Amino acid sequence: MSEPKKDAPRRYIMDGAGQRVLVGLTLSETIEFENLESVEVRSQGTDLLANESGIRQHKHDERWLELYVKHEQAWSNWMAETRARLTPHVLN
């Protein structure tokens, strides 16, 4: 399995309030995800335990991954449901 990439295509939908959100995420999670994605790496090549900004960046990366996985799972489920509705059922 390949690692998720931060430049992967985003999949937005309109929520119940008419706001654009990532599939599977709330509005606040979508905003948080986008903000985390815009954070630049400040501690490249440094020991995370020796560098406070490195620890902060590591936590940002963990949260970004958590939200990405939540979105990706919801997207995969949505795509499977869509394919199931569109695929004619064959009876034997």
PDB file of N, CA and C in Angstrom:
ATOM      1  N   MET A   1       0.847  -1.179   0.000  1.00  0.00           N
ATOM      2  CA  MET A   1       0.000   0.000   0.000  1.00  0.00           C
ATOM      3  C   MET A   1       0.884   1.229   0.000  1.00  0.00           C
ATOM      4  N   SER A   2       0.576   2.173  -0.831  1.00  0.00           N
ATOM      5  CA  SER A   2       1.387   3.379  -0.891  1.00  0.00           C
ATOM      6  C   SER A   2       0.952   4.366   0.183  1.00  0.00           C
ATOM      7  N   GLU A   3       1.856   5.254   0.543  1.00  0.00           N
ATOM      8  CA  GLU A   3       1.544   6.269   1.529  1.00  0.00           C
ATOM      9  C   GLU A   3       0.686   7.345   0.893  1.00  0.00           C
ATOM     10  N   PRO A   4      -0.240   7.943   1.681  1.00  0.00           N
ATOM     11  CA  PRO A   4      -1.030   9.037   1.130  1.00  0.00           C
ATOM     12  C   PRO A   4      -0.135  10.222   0.833  1.00  0.00           C
ATOM     13  N   LYS A   5      -0.441  10.926  -0.214  1.00  0.00           N
ATOM     14  CA  LYS A   5       0.344  12.097  -0.594  1.00  0.00           C
ATOM     15  C   LYS A   5      -0.460  13.346  -0.304  1.00  0.00           C
ATOM     16  N   LYS A   6       0.234  14.388   0.148  1.00  0.00           N
ATOM     17  CA  LYS A   6      -0.455  15.619   0.485  1.00  0.00           C
ATOM     18  C   LYS A   6      -0.977  16.341  -0.746  1.00  0.00           C
ATOM     19  N   ASP A   7      -0.549  15.911  -1.932  1.00  0.00           N
ATOM     20  CA  ASP A   7      -1.033  16.557  -3.141  1.00  0.00           C
ATOM     21  C   ASP A   7      -2.113  15.726  -3.835  1.00  0.00           C
ATOM     22  N   ALA A   8      -2.677  14.747  -3.100  1.00  0.00           N
ATOM     23  CA  ALA A   8      -3.731  13.911  -3.668  1.00  0.00           C
ATOM     24  C   ALA A   8      -4.965  14.766  -3.962  1.00  0.00           C
ATOM     25  N   PRO A   9      -5.749  14.369  -4.967  1.00  0.00           N
ATOM     26  CA  PRO A   9      -6.942  15.153  -5.287  1.00  0.00           C
ATOM     27  C   PRO A   9      -7.921  15.167  -4.123  1.00  0.00           C
ATOM     28  N   ARG A  10      -8.565  16.293  -3.937  1.00  0.00           N
ATOM     29  CA  ARG A  10      -9.540  16.422  -2.866  1.00  0.00           C
ATOM     30  C   ARG A  10     -10.924  16.140  -3.419  1.00  0.00           C
ATOM     31  N   ARG A  11     -11.782  15.630  -2.573  1.00  0.00           N
ATOM     32  CA  ARG A  11     -13.135  15.287  -2.987  1.00  0.00           C
ATOM     33  C   ARG A  11     -14.103  16.009  -2.075  1.00  0.00           C
ATOM     34  N   TYR A  12     -14.677  17.087  -2.579  1.00  0.00           N
ATOM     35  CA  TYR A  12     -15.589  17.903  -1.796  1.00  0.00           C
ATOM     36  C   TYR A  12     -17.038  17.598  -2.131  1.00  0.00           C
ATOM     37  N   ILE A  13     -17.899  17.816  -1.133  1.00  0.00           N
ATOM     38  CA  ILE A  13     -19.339  17.748  -1.320  1.00  0.00           C
ATOM     39  C   ILE A  13     -19.950  18.934  -0.582  1.00  0.00           C
ATOM     40  N   MET A  14     -21.231  19.152  -0.773  1.00  0.00           N
ATOM     41  CA  MET A  14     -21.943  20.177  -0.014  1.00  0.00           C
ATOM     42  C   MET A  14     -22.581  19.490   1.190  1.00  0.00           C
ATOM     43  N   ASP A  15     -22.376  20.062   2.382  1.00  0.00           N
ATOM     44  CA  ASP A  15     -22.990  19.471   3.566  1.00  0.00           C
ATOM     45  C   ASP A  15     -24.443  19.938   3.680  1.00  0.00           C
ATOM     46  N   GLY A  16     -25.116  19.558   4.745  1.00  0.00           N
ATOM     47  CA  GLY A  16     -26.525  19.900   4.940  1.00  0.00           C
ATOM     48  C   GLY A  16     -26.784  21.391   5.008  1.00  0.00           C
ATOM     49  N   ALA A  17     -25.772  22.164   5.381  1.00  0.00           N
ATOM     50  CA  ALA A  17     -25.908  23.622   5.468  1.00  0.00           C
ATOM     51  C   ALA A  17     -25.450  24.309   4.188  1.00  0.00           C
ATOM     52  N   GLY A  18     -25.116  23.512   3.164  1.00  0.00           N
ATOM     53  CA  GLY A  18     -24.686  24.081   1.888  1.00  0.00           C
ATOM     54  C   GLY A  18     -23.237  24.541   1.871  1.00  0.00           C
ATOM     55  N   GLN A  19     -22.427  24.041   2.797  1.00  0.00           N
ATOM     56  CA  GLN A  19     -21.020  24.426   2.846  1.00  0.00           C
ATOM     57  C   GLN A  19     -20.174  23.312   2.247  1.00  0.00           C
ATOM     58  N   ARG A  20     -19.118  23.701   1.567  1.00  0.00           N
ATOM     59  CA  ARG A  20     -18.232  22.771   0.877  1.00  0.00           C
ATOM     60  C   ARG A  20     -17.304  22.097   1.890  1.00  0.00           C
ATOM     61  N   VAL A  21     -17.415  20.757   1.987  1.00  0.00           N
ATOM     62  CA  VAL A  21     -16.595  19.994   2.931  1.00  0.00           C
ATOM     63  C   VAL A  21     -16.006  18.786   2.211  1.00  0.00           C
ATOM     64  N   LEU A  22     -14.936  18.246   2.768  1.00  0.00           N
ATOM     65  CA  LEU A  22     -14.374  17.005   2.254  1.00  0.00           C
ATOM     66  C   LEU A  22     -15.282  15.849   2.665  1.00  0.00           C
ATOM     67  N   VAL A  23     -15.480  14.901   1.778  1.00  0.00           N
ATOM     68  CA  VAL A  23     -16.313  13.729   2.068  1.00  0.00           C
ATOM     69  C   VAL A  23     -15.832  13.085   3.357  1.00  0.00           C
ATOM     70  N   GLY A  24     -16.765  12.852   4.285  1.00  0.00           N
ATOM     71  CA  GLY A  24     -16.442  12.185   5.541  1.00  0.00           C
ATOM     72  C   GLY A  24     -15.977  13.107   6.653  1.00  0.00           C
ATOM     73  N   LEU A  25     -15.732  14.381   6.347  1.00  0.00           N
ATOM     74  CA  LEU A  25     -15.280  15.323   7.365  1.00  0.00           C
ATOM     75  C   LEU A  25     -16.345  16.385   7.612  1.00  0.00           C
ATOM     76  N   THR A  26     -16.355  16.909   8.822  1.00  0.00           N
ATOM     77  CA  THR A  26     -17.231  18.029   9.137  1.00  0.00           C
ATOM     78  C   THR A  26     -16.595  19.307   8.587  1.00  0.00           C
ATOM     79  N   LEU A  27     -17.330  20.398   8.666  1.00  0.00           N
ATOM     80  CA  LEU A  27     -16.773  21.677   8.219  1.00  0.00           C
ATOM     81  C   LEU A  27     -15.525  22.032   9.025  1.00  0.00           C
ATOM     82  N   SER A  28     -15.599  21.870  10.352  1.00  0.00           N
ATOM     83  CA  SER A  28     -14.428  22.229  11.174  1.00  0.00           C
ATOM     84  C   SER A  28     -13.242  21.310  10.878  1.00  0.00           C
ATOM     85  N   GLU A  29     -13.500  20.028  10.621  1.00  0.00           N
ATOM     86  CA  GLU A  29     -12.411  19.110  10.265  1.00  0.00           C
ATOM     87  C   GLU A  29     -11.826  19.458   8.899  1.00  0.00           C
ATOM     88  N   THR A  30     -12.678  19.855   7.960  1.00  0.00           N
ATOM     89  CA  THR A  30     -12.189  20.257   6.637  1.00  0.00           C
ATOM     90  C   THR A  30     -11.277  21.470   6.759  1.00  0.00           C
ATOM     91  N   ILE A  31     -11.696  22.443   7.537  1.00  0.00           N
ATOM     92  CA  ILE A  31     -10.871  23.649   7.737  1.00  0.00           C
ATOM     93  C   ILE A  31      -9.558  23.280   8.414  1.00  0.00           C
ATOM     94  N   GLU A  32      -9.635  22.429   9.442  1.00  0.00           N
ATOM     95  CA  GLU A  32      -8.415  21.995  10.145  1.00  0.00           C
ATOM     96  C   GLU A  32      -7.480  21.260   9.189  1.00  0.00           C
ATOM     97  N   PHE A  33      -8.031  20.352   8.374  1.00  0.00           N
ATOM     98  CA  PHE A  33      -7.221  19.602   7.413  1.00  0.00           C
ATOM     99  C   PHE A  33      -6.510  20.555   6.453  1.00  0.00           C
ATOM    100  N   GLU A  34      -7.249  21.499   5.911  1.00  0.00           N
ATOM    101  CA  GLU A  34      -6.648  22.453   4.967  1.00  0.00           C
ATOM    102  C   GLU A  34      -5.577  23.297   5.639  1.00  0.00           C
ATOM    103  N   ASN A  35      -5.808  23.700   6.889  1.00  0.00           N
ATOM    104  CA  ASN A  35      -4.797  24.481   7.614  1.00  0.00           C
ATOM    105  C   ASN A  35      -3.549  23.646   7.890  1.00  0.00           C
ATOM    106  N   LEU A  36      -3.745  22.397   8.307  1.00  0.00           N
ATOM    107  CA  LEU A  36      -2.595  21.525   8.554  1.00  0.00           C
ATOM    108  C   LEU A  36      -1.806  21.283   7.283  1.00  0.00           C
ATOM    109  N   GLU A  37      -2.518  21.183   6.173  1.00  0.00           N
ATOM    110  CA  GLU A  37      -1.853  20.938   4.906  1.00  0.00           C
ATOM    111  C   GLU A  37      -0.980  22.123   4.482  1.00  0.00           C
ATOM    112  N   SER A  38      -1.354  23.319   4.928  1.00  0.00           N
ATOM    113  CA  SER A  38      -0.603  24.505   4.524  1.00  0.00           C
ATOM    114  C   SER A  38       0.600  24.784   5.427  1.00  0.00           C
ATOM    115  N   VAL A  39       0.708  24.055   6.542  1.00  0.00           N
ATOM    116  CA  VAL A  39       1.831  24.250   7.469  1.00  0.00           C
ATOM    117  C   VAL A  39       3.115  23.762   6.799  1.00  0.00           C
ATOM    118  N   GLU A  40       4.138  24.615   6.788  1.00  0.00           N
ATOM    119  CA  GLU A  40       5.415  24.222   6.190  1.00  0.00           C
ATOM    120  C   GLU A  40       6.239  23.435   7.202  1.00  0.00           C
ATOM    121  N   VAL A  41       7.030  22.511   6.702  1.00  0.00           N
ATOM    122  CA  VAL A  41       7.908  21.738   7.578  1.00  0.00           C
ATOM    123  C   VAL A  41       9.013  22.663   8.064  1.00  0.00           C
ATOM    124  N   ARG A  42       9.091  22.811   9.408  1.00  0.00           N
ATOM    125  CA  ARG A  42      10.065  23.733   9.991  1.00  0.00           C
ATOM    126  C   ARG A  42      11.261  23.011  10.573  1.00  0.00           C
ATOM    127  N   SER A  43      11.180  21.697  10.668  1.00  0.00           N
ATOM    128  CA  SER A  43      12.242  20.999  11.397  1.00  0.00           C
ATOM    129  C   SER A  43      12.811  19.834  10.601  1.00  0.00           C
ATOM    130  N   GLN A  44      13.053  20.036   9.348  1.00  0.00           N
ATOM    131  CA  GLN A  44      13.559  18.951   8.510  1.00  0.00           C
ATOM    132  C   GLN A  44      14.930  18.506   9.001  1.00  0.00           C
ATOM    133  N   GLY A  45      15.060  17.184   9.166  1.00  0.00           N
ATOM    134  CA  GLY A  45      16.358  16.629   9.515  1.00  0.00           C
ATOM    135  C   GLY A  45      16.766  16.813  10.950  1.00  0.00           C
ATOM    136  N   THR A  46      15.841  17.188  11.849  1.00  0.00           N
ATOM    137  CA  THR A  46      16.223  17.375  13.245  1.00  0.00           C
ATOM    138  C   THR A  46      15.566  16.307  14.105  1.00  0.00           C
ATOM    139  N   ASP A  47      16.138  16.087  15.258  1.00  0.00           N
ATOM    140  CA  ASP A  47      15.594  15.137  16.220  1.00  0.00           C
ATOM    141  C   ASP A  47      14.321  15.733  16.814  1.00  0.00           C
ATOM    142  N   LEU A  48      13.187  15.034  16.667  1.00  0.00           N
ATOM    143  CA  LEU A  48      11.922  15.563  17.157  1.00  0.00           C
ATOM    144  C   LEU A  48      11.931  15.828  18.655  1.00  0.00           C
ATOM    145  N   LEU A  49      12.624  14.996  19.419  1.00  0.00           N
ATOM    146  CA  LEU A  49      12.630  15.184  20.863  1.00  0.00           C
ATOM    147  C   LEU A  49      13.510  16.356  21.290  1.00  0.00           C
ATOM    148  N   ALA A  50      14.379  16.783  20.446  1.00  0.00           N
ATOM    149  CA  ALA A  50      15.282  17.877  20.803  1.00  0.00           C
ATOM    150  C   ALA A  50      14.789  19.228  20.294  1.00  0.00           C
ATOM    151  N   ASN A  51      13.695  19.236  19.587  1.00  0.00           N
ATOM    152  CA  ASN A  51      13.264  20.457  18.933  1.00  0.00           C
ATOM    153  C   ASN A  51      11.765  20.643  19.120  1.00  0.00           C
ATOM    154  N   GLU A  52      11.373  21.678  19.869  1.00  0.00           N
ATOM    155  CA  GLU A  52       9.950  21.899  20.152  1.00  0.00           C
ATOM    156  C   GLU A  52       9.134  22.085  18.880  1.00  0.00           C
ATOM    157  N   SER A  53       9.659  22.811  17.915  1.00  0.00           N
ATOM    158  CA  SER A  53       8.909  22.987  16.667  1.00  0.00           C
ATOM    159  C   SER A  53       8.809  21.668  15.910  1.00  0.00           C
ATOM    160  N   GLY A  54       9.802  20.812  16.070  1.00  0.00           N
ATOM    161  CA  GLY A  54       9.751  19.489  15.451  1.00  0.00           C
ATOM    162  C   GLY A  54       8.655  18.633  16.059  1.00  0.00           C
ATOM    163  N   ILE A  55       8.507  18.707  17.376  1.00  0.00           N
ATOM    164  CA  ILE A  55       7.437  17.969  18.049  1.00  0.00           C
ATOM    165  C   ILE A  55       6.089  18.490  17.586  1.00  0.00           C
ATOM    166  N   ARG A  56       5.948  19.804  17.490  1.00  0.00           N
ATOM    167  CA  ARG A  56       4.710  20.419  17.025  1.00  0.00           C
ATOM    168  C   ARG A  56       4.408  19.972  15.599  1.00  0.00           C
ATOM    169  N   GLN A  57       5.423  19.951  14.740  1.00  0.00           N
ATOM    170  CA  GLN A  57       5.229  19.524  13.355  1.00  0.00           C
ATOM    171  C   GLN A  57       4.819  18.059  13.306  1.00  0.00           C
ATOM    172  N   HIS A  58       5.428  17.239  14.143  1.00  0.00           N
ATOM    173  CA  HIS A  58       5.088  15.811  14.187  1.00  0.00           C
ATOM    174  C   HIS A  58       3.616  15.635  14.560  1.00  0.00           C
ATOM    175  N   LYS A  59       3.134  16.397  15.548  1.00  0.00           N
ATOM    176  CA  LYS A  59       1.729  16.323  15.954  1.00  0.00           C
ATOM    177  C   LYS A  59       0.817  16.798  14.824  1.00  0.00           C
ATOM    178  N   HIS A  60       1.239  17.830  14.111  1.00  0.00           N
ATOM    179  CA  HIS A  60       0.468  18.306  12.954  1.00  0.00           C
ATOM    180  C   HIS A  60       0.357  17.198  11.919  1.00  0.00           C
ATOM    181  N   ASP A  61       1.487  16.525  11.661  1.00  0.00           N
ATOM    182  CA  ASP A  61       1.501  15.447  10.668  1.00  0.00           C
ATOM    183  C   ASP A  61       0.591  14.298  11.090  1.00  0.00           C
ATOM    184  N   GLU A  62       0.614  13.952  12.381  1.00  0.00           N
ATOM    185  CA  GLU A  62      -0.247  12.878  12.879  1.00  0.00           C
ATOM    186  C   GLU A  62      -1.722  13.238  12.709  1.00  0.00           C
ATOM    187  N   ARG A  63      -2.081  14.469  13.053  1.00  0.00           N
ATOM    188  CA  ARG A  63      -3.486  14.902  12.931  1.00  0.00           C
ATOM    189  C   ARG A  63      -3.878  14.956  11.459  1.00  0.00           C
ATOM    190  N   TRP A  64      -2.981  15.450  10.591  1.00  0.00           N
ATOM    191  CA  TRP A  64      -3.274  15.492   9.153  1.00  0.00           C
ATOM    192  C   TRP A  64      -3.570  14.076   8.667  1.00  0.00           C
ATOM    193  N   LEU A  65      -2.748  13.109   9.066  1.00  0.00           N
ATOM    194  CA  LEU A  65      -2.929  11.735   8.637  1.00  0.00           C
ATOM    195  C   LEU A  65      -4.250  11.173   9.162  1.00  0.00           C
ATOM    196  N   GLU A  66      -4.585  11.474  10.411  1.00  0.00           N
ATOM    197  CA  GLU A  66      -5.854  11.011  10.995  1.00  0.00           C
ATOM    198  C   GLU A  66      -7.047  11.516  10.171  1.00  0.00           C
ATOM    199  N   LEU A  67      -7.030  12.797   9.830  1.00  0.00           N
ATOM    200  CA  LEU A  67      -8.122  13.367   9.035  1.00  0.00           C
ATOM    201  C   LEU A  67      -8.113  12.823   7.609  1.00  0.00           C
ATOM    202  N   TYR A  68      -6.923  12.646   7.052  1.00  0.00           N
ATOM    203  CA  TYR A  68      -6.815  12.106   5.694  1.00  0.00           C
ATOM    204  C   TYR A  68      -7.408  10.698   5.635  1.00  0.00           C
ATOM    205  N   VAL A  69      -7.071   9.852   6.610  1.00  0.00           N
ATOM    206  CA  VAL A  69      -7.570   8.481   6.641  1.00  0.00           C
ATOM    207  C   VAL A  69      -9.093   8.475   6.793  1.00  0.00           C
ATOM    208  N   LYS A  70      -9.618   9.328   7.657  1.00  0.00           N
ATOM    209  CA  LYS A  70     -11.074   9.424   7.833  1.00  0.00           C
ATOM    210  C   LYS A  70     -11.741   9.799   6.513  1.00  0.00           C
ATOM    211  N   HIS A  71     -11.181  10.782   5.823  1.00  0.00           N
ATOM    212  CA  HIS A  71     -11.709  11.210   4.526  1.00  0.00           C
ATOM    213  C   HIS A  71     -11.586  10.097   3.488  1.00  0.00           C
ATOM    214  N   GLU A  72     -10.444   9.466   3.422  1.00  0.00           N
ATOM    215  CA  GLU A  72     -10.198   8.419   2.416  1.00  0.00           C
ATOM    216  C   GLU A  72     -11.136   7.237   2.613  1.00  0.00           C
ATOM    217  N   GLN A  73     -11.364   6.838   3.859  1.00  0.00           N
ATOM    218  CA  GLN A  73     -12.281   5.725   4.123  1.00  0.00           C
ATOM    219  C   GLN A  73     -13.709   6.086   3.708  1.00  0.00           C
ATOM    220  N   ALA A  74     -14.131   7.301   4.033  1.00  0.00           N
ATOM    221  CA  ALA A  74     -15.480   7.736   3.651  1.00  0.00           C
ATOM    222  C   ALA A  74     -15.606   7.802   2.132  1.00  0.00           C
ATOM    223  N   TRP A  75     -14.566   8.285   1.469  1.00  0.00           N
ATOM    224  CA  TRP A  75     -14.576   8.373   0.002  1.00  0.00           C
ATOM    225  C   TRP A  75     -14.654   6.975  -0.612  1.00  0.00           C
ATOM    226  N   SER A  76     -13.868   6.053  -0.108  1.00  0.00           N
ATOM    227  CA  SER A  76     -13.877   4.679  -0.630  1.00  0.00           C
ATOM    228  C   SER A  76     -15.250   4.039  -0.450  1.00  0.00           C
ATOM    229  N   ASN A  77     -15.853   4.231   0.721  1.00  0.00           N
ATOM    230  CA  ASN A  77     -17.193   3.694   0.971  1.00  0.00           C
ATOM    231  C   ASN A  77     -18.218   4.319   0.027  1.00  0.00           C
ATOM    232  N   TRP A  78     -18.131   5.617  -0.155  1.00  0.00           N
ATOM    233  CA  TRP A  78     -19.058   6.324  -1.036  1.00  0.00           C
ATOM    234  C   TRP A  78     -18.916   5.828  -2.478  1.00  0.00           C
ATOM    235  N   MET A  79     -17.682   5.636  -2.918  1.00  0.00           N
ATOM    236  CA  MET A  79     -17.452   5.133  -4.278  1.00  0.00           C
ATOM    237  C   MET A  79     -17.985   3.712  -4.436  1.00  0.00           C
ATOM    238  N   ALA A  80     -17.786   2.856  -3.439  1.00  0.00           N
ATOM    239  CA  ALA A  80     -18.286   1.477  -3.505  1.00  0.00           C
ATOM    240  C   ALA A  80     -19.808   1.464  -3.564  1.00  0.00           C
ATOM    241  N   GLU A  81     -20.448   2.299  -2.760  1.00  0.00           N
ATOM    242  CA  GLU A  81     -21.910   2.383  -2.774  1.00  0.00           C
ATOM    243  C   GLU A  81     -22.412   2.897  -4.121  1.00  0.00           C
ATOM    244  N   THR A  82     -21.716   3.868  -4.669  1.00  0.00           N
ATOM    245  CA  THR A  82     -22.104   4.421  -5.969  1.00  0.00           C
ATOM    246  C   THR A  82     -21.966   3.367  -7.059  1.00  0.00           C
ATOM    247  N   ARG A  83     -20.855   2.642  -7.059  1.00  0.00           N
ATOM    248  CA  ARG A  83     -20.669   1.574  -8.059  1.00  0.00           C
ATOM    249  C   ARG A  83     -21.734   0.499  -7.919  1.00  0.00           C
ATOM    250  N   ALA A  84     -22.080   0.143  -6.670  1.00  0.00           N
ATOM    251  CA  ALA A  84     -23.087  -0.899  -6.442  1.00  0.00           C
ATOM    252  C   ALA A  84     -24.444  -0.471  -6.986  1.00  0.00           C
ATOM    253  N   ARG A  85     -24.778   0.795  -6.861  1.00  0.00           N
ATOM    254  CA  ARG A  85     -26.054   1.300  -7.387  1.00  0.00           C
ATOM    255  C   ARG A  85     -26.056   1.345  -8.906  1.00  0.00           C
ATOM    256  N   LEU A  86     -24.903   1.604  -9.499  1.00  0.00           N
ATOM    257  CA  LEU A  86     -24.823   1.758 -10.954  1.00  0.00           C
ATOM    258  C   LEU A  86     -24.579   0.449 -11.687  1.00  0.00           C
ATOM    259  N   THR A  87     -24.073  -0.557 -10.985  1.00  0.00           N
ATOM    260  CA  THR A  87     -23.752  -1.834 -11.627  1.00  0.00           C
ATOM    261  C   THR A  87     -25.006  -2.694 -11.664  1.00  0.00           C
ATOM    262  N   PRO A  88     -25.401  -3.141 -12.853  1.00  0.00           N
ATOM    263  CA  PRO A  88     -26.579  -4.013 -12.937  1.00  0.00           C
ATOM    264  C   PRO A  88     -26.283  -5.329 -12.234  1.00  0.00           C
ATOM    265  N   HIS A  89     -27.252  -5.820 -11.511  1.00  0.00           N
ATOM    266  CA  HIS A  89     -27.090  -7.090 -10.793  1.00  0.00           C
ATOM    267  C   HIS A  89     -27.381  -8.242 -11.754  1.00  0.00           C
ATOM    268  N   VAL A  90     -26.484  -9.192 -11.784  1.00  0.00           N
ATOM    269  CA  VAL A  90     -26.619 -10.352 -12.640  1.00  0.00           C
ATOM    270  C   VAL A  90     -27.097 -11.526 -11.789  1.00  0.00           C
ATOM    271  N   LEU A  91     -28.177 -12.137 -12.204  1.00  0.00           N
ATOM    272  CA  LEU A  91     -28.696 -13.289 -11.474  1.00  0.00           C
ATOM    273  C   LEU A  91     -28.313 -14.553 -12.216  1.00  0.00           C
ATOM    274  N   ASN A  92     -27.875 -15.543 -11.483  1.00  0.00           N
ATOM    275  CA  ASN A  92     -27.518 -16.832 -12.092  1.00  0.00           C
ATOM    276  C   ASN A  92     -28.657 -17.794 -11.967  1.00  0.00           C
TER     277      ASN A  92
END
